[in-house]
C-alpha atoms as a PDB file:
ATOM      1  CA  MET A   1     168.221  35.321  42.813  1.00  0.00           C
ATOM      2  CA  PHE A   2     167.226  33.494  45.961  1.00  0.00           C
ATOM      3  CA  ILE A   3     163.866  32.338  44.555  1.00  0.00           C
ATOM      4  CA  PRO A   4     165.278  30.700  41.363  1.00  0.00           C
ATOM      5  CA  ALA A   5     167.835  28.884  43.530  1.00  0.00           C
ATOM      6  CA  ILE A   6     165.082  27.525  45.783  1.00  0.00           C
ATOM      7  CA  ILE A   7     163.049  26.454  42.739  1.00  0.00           C
ATOM      8  CA  GLY A   8     166.129  24.737  41.310  1.00  0.00           C
ATOM      9  CA  PHE A   9     166.870  22.857  44.506  1.00  0.00           C
ATOM     10  CA  VAL A  10     163.220  21.788  44.840  1.00  0.00           C
ATOM     11  CA  ALA A  11     163.329  20.539  41.257  1.00  0.00           C
ATOM     12  CA  ILE A  12     166.514  18.581  41.971  1.00  0.00           C
ATOM     13  CA  PHE A  13     164.979  17.073  45.098  1.00  0.00           C
ATOM     14  CA  TRP A  14     161.822  16.158  43.153  1.00  0.00           C
ATOM     15  CA  CYS A  15     163.924  14.469  40.448  1.00  0.00           C
ATOM     16  CA  VAL A  16     165.753  12.438  43.088  1.00  0.00           C
ATOM     17  CA  LEU A  17     162.463  11.315  44.644  1.00  0.00           C
ATOM     18  CA  THR A  18     160.851  10.379  41.329  1.00  0.00           C
ATOM     19  CA  GLY A  19     163.907   8.668  39.889  1.00  0.00           C
ATOM     20  CA  LEU A  20     164.710  11.189  37.175  1.00  0.00           C
ATOM     21  CA  VAL A  21     168.378  11.170  38.101  1.00  0.00           C
ATOM     22  CA  ARG A  22     169.468  11.953  34.535  1.00  0.00           C
ATOM     23  CA  LEU A  23     167.970  15.450  34.791  1.00  0.00           C
ATOM     24  CA  ILE A  24     169.948  16.486  37.886  1.00  0.00           C
ATOM     25  CA  PRO A  25     173.111  17.632  36.020  1.00  0.00           C
ATOM     26  CA  TRP A  26     170.974  19.720  33.679  1.00  0.00           C
ATOM     27  CA  LEU A  27     169.127  21.315  36.575  1.00  0.00           C
ATOM     28  CA  ILE A  28     172.392  22.087  38.359  1.00  0.00           C
ATOM     29  CA  LEU A  29     173.708  23.598  35.137  1.00  0.00           C
ATOM     30  CA  ALA A  30     170.521  25.656  34.779  1.00  0.00           C
ATOM     31  CA  VAL A  31     170.878  26.999  38.332  1.00  0.00           C
ATOM     32  CA  ILE A  32     174.519  27.928  37.690  1.00  0.00           C
ATOM     33  CA  VAL A  33     173.709  29.608  34.367  1.00  0.00           C
ATOM     34  CA  ILE A  34     170.825  31.582  35.891  1.00  0.00           C
ATOM     35  CA  SER A  35     173.101  32.712  38.724  1.00  0.00           C
ATOM     36  CA  ILE A  36     175.801  33.865  36.305  1.00  0.00           C
ATOM     37  CA  VAL A  37     173.312  35.665  34.068  1.00  0.00           C
ATOM     38  CA  ASP A  38     171.743  37.394  37.075  1.00  0.00           C
ATOM     39  CA  LEU A  39     175.148  38.462  38.369  1.00  0.00           C
ATOM     40  CA  PHE A  40     176.120  39.803  34.938  1.00  0.00           C
ATOM     41  CA  PHE A  41     172.909  41.792  34.493  1.00  0.00           C
ATOM     42  CA  ASN A  42     173.075  43.140  38.032  1.00  0.00           C
ATOM     43  CA  HIS A  43     176.607  44.465  37.508  1.00  0.00           C
ATOM     44  CA  PHE A  44     175.768  45.567  33.970  1.00  0.00           C
ATOM     45  CA  MET A  45     172.943  47.741  35.294  1.00  0.00           C
ATOM     46  CA  TRP A  46     175.288  49.362  37.827  1.00  0.00           C
ATOM     47  CA  VAL A  47     177.816  50.087  35.060  1.00  0.00           C
ATOM     48  CA  VAL A  48     175.145  51.542  32.759  1.00  0.00           C
ATOM     49  CA  THR A  49     173.767  53.676  35.599  1.00  0.00           C
ATOM     50  CA  GLY A  50     177.240  54.955  36.433  1.00  0.00           C
ATOM     51  CA  ILE A  51     178.054  55.796  32.827  1.00  0.00           C
ATOM     52  CA  LEU A  52     174.742  57.619  32.407  1.00  0.00           C
ATOM     53  CA  ALA A  53     175.281  59.603  35.608  1.00  0.00           C
ATOM     54  CA  ILE A  54     178.810  60.589  34.568  1.00  0.00           C
ATOM     55  CA  SER A  55     177.716  61.594  31.054  1.00  0.00           C
ATOM     56  CA  ILE A  56     174.805  63.684  32.375  1.00  0.00           C
ATOM     57  CA  ALA A  57     177.100  65.405  34.875  1.00  0.00           C
ATOM     58  CA  TYR A  58     179.654  66.108  32.125  1.00  0.00           C
ATOM     59  CA  ASN A  59     176.980  67.533  29.808  1.00  0.00           C
ATOM     60  CA  VAL A  60     175.635  69.775  32.563  1.00  0.00           C
ATOM     61  CA  TYR A  61     179.182  70.939  33.322  1.00  0.00           C
ATOM     62  CA  THR A  62     179.990  71.735  29.685  1.00  0.00           C
ATOM     63  CA  GLU A  63     176.685  73.562  29.166  1.00  0.00           C
ATOM     64  CA  SER A  64     177.324  75.590  32.287  1.00  0.00           C
ATOM     65  CA  LYS A  65     180.818  76.401  31.092  1.00  0.00           C
ATOM     66  CA  LYS A  66     179.534  77.381  27.622  1.00  0.00           C
ATOM     67  CA  ARG A  67     176.902  79.687  29.111  1.00  0.00           C
ATOM     68  CA  LYS A  68     179.466  81.311  31.377  1.00  0.00           C
ATOM     69  CA  ASN A  69     181.929  81.830  28.506  1.00  0.00           C
ATOM     70  CA  LYS A  70     179.201  83.024  26.161  1.00  0.00           C
ATOM     71  CA  SER A  71     177.947  85.649  28.583  1.00  0.00           C
ATOM     72  CA  SER A  72     181.459  86.958  29.236  1.00  0.00           C
ATOM     73  CA  ASP A  73     182.290  86.933  25.500  1.00  0.00           C
ATOM     74  CA  ILE A  74     179.212  88.983  24.678  1.00  0.00           C
ATOM     75  CA  ILE A  75     180.087  91.643  27.243  1.00  0.00           C
ATOM     76  CA  ASP A  76     183.742  91.778  26.136  1.00  0.00           C
ATOM     77  CA  GLY A  77     182.759  91.666  22.469  1.00  0.00           C
ATOM     78  CA  ASP A  78     180.338  94.563  22.819  1.00  0.00           C
ATOM     79  CA  TYR A  79     182.946  96.567  24.643  1.00  0.00           C
ATOM     80  CA  GLU A  80     185.537  95.894  21.960  1.00  0.00           C
ATOM     81  CA  GLU A  81     183.115  96.920  19.209  1.00  0.00           C
ATOM     82  CA  ILE A  82     182.194 100.114  21.010  1.00  0.00           C
ATOM     83  CA  LYS A  83     185.860 100.911  21.642  1.00  0.00           C
ATOM     84  CA  LYS A  84     186.746 100.614  17.945  1.00  0.00           C
END
């Protein structure tokens, strides 16, 4: 994020020195848009990482719970069948 900002400011300074003043608003707009896009993608990656971590933890929890219930059901089920 810091490097594109430096490149943008150097480009603005170069336009001022060479007389291309009409490009300055577009360069400022480009720097702002790049900053917003970078901020969005940075936060988007954190959200995606969080959602993935939560879903993996939930799946591990449910599988663990299923295995625990399945093992206890088999023991109880066998006992019930033998009892009958």
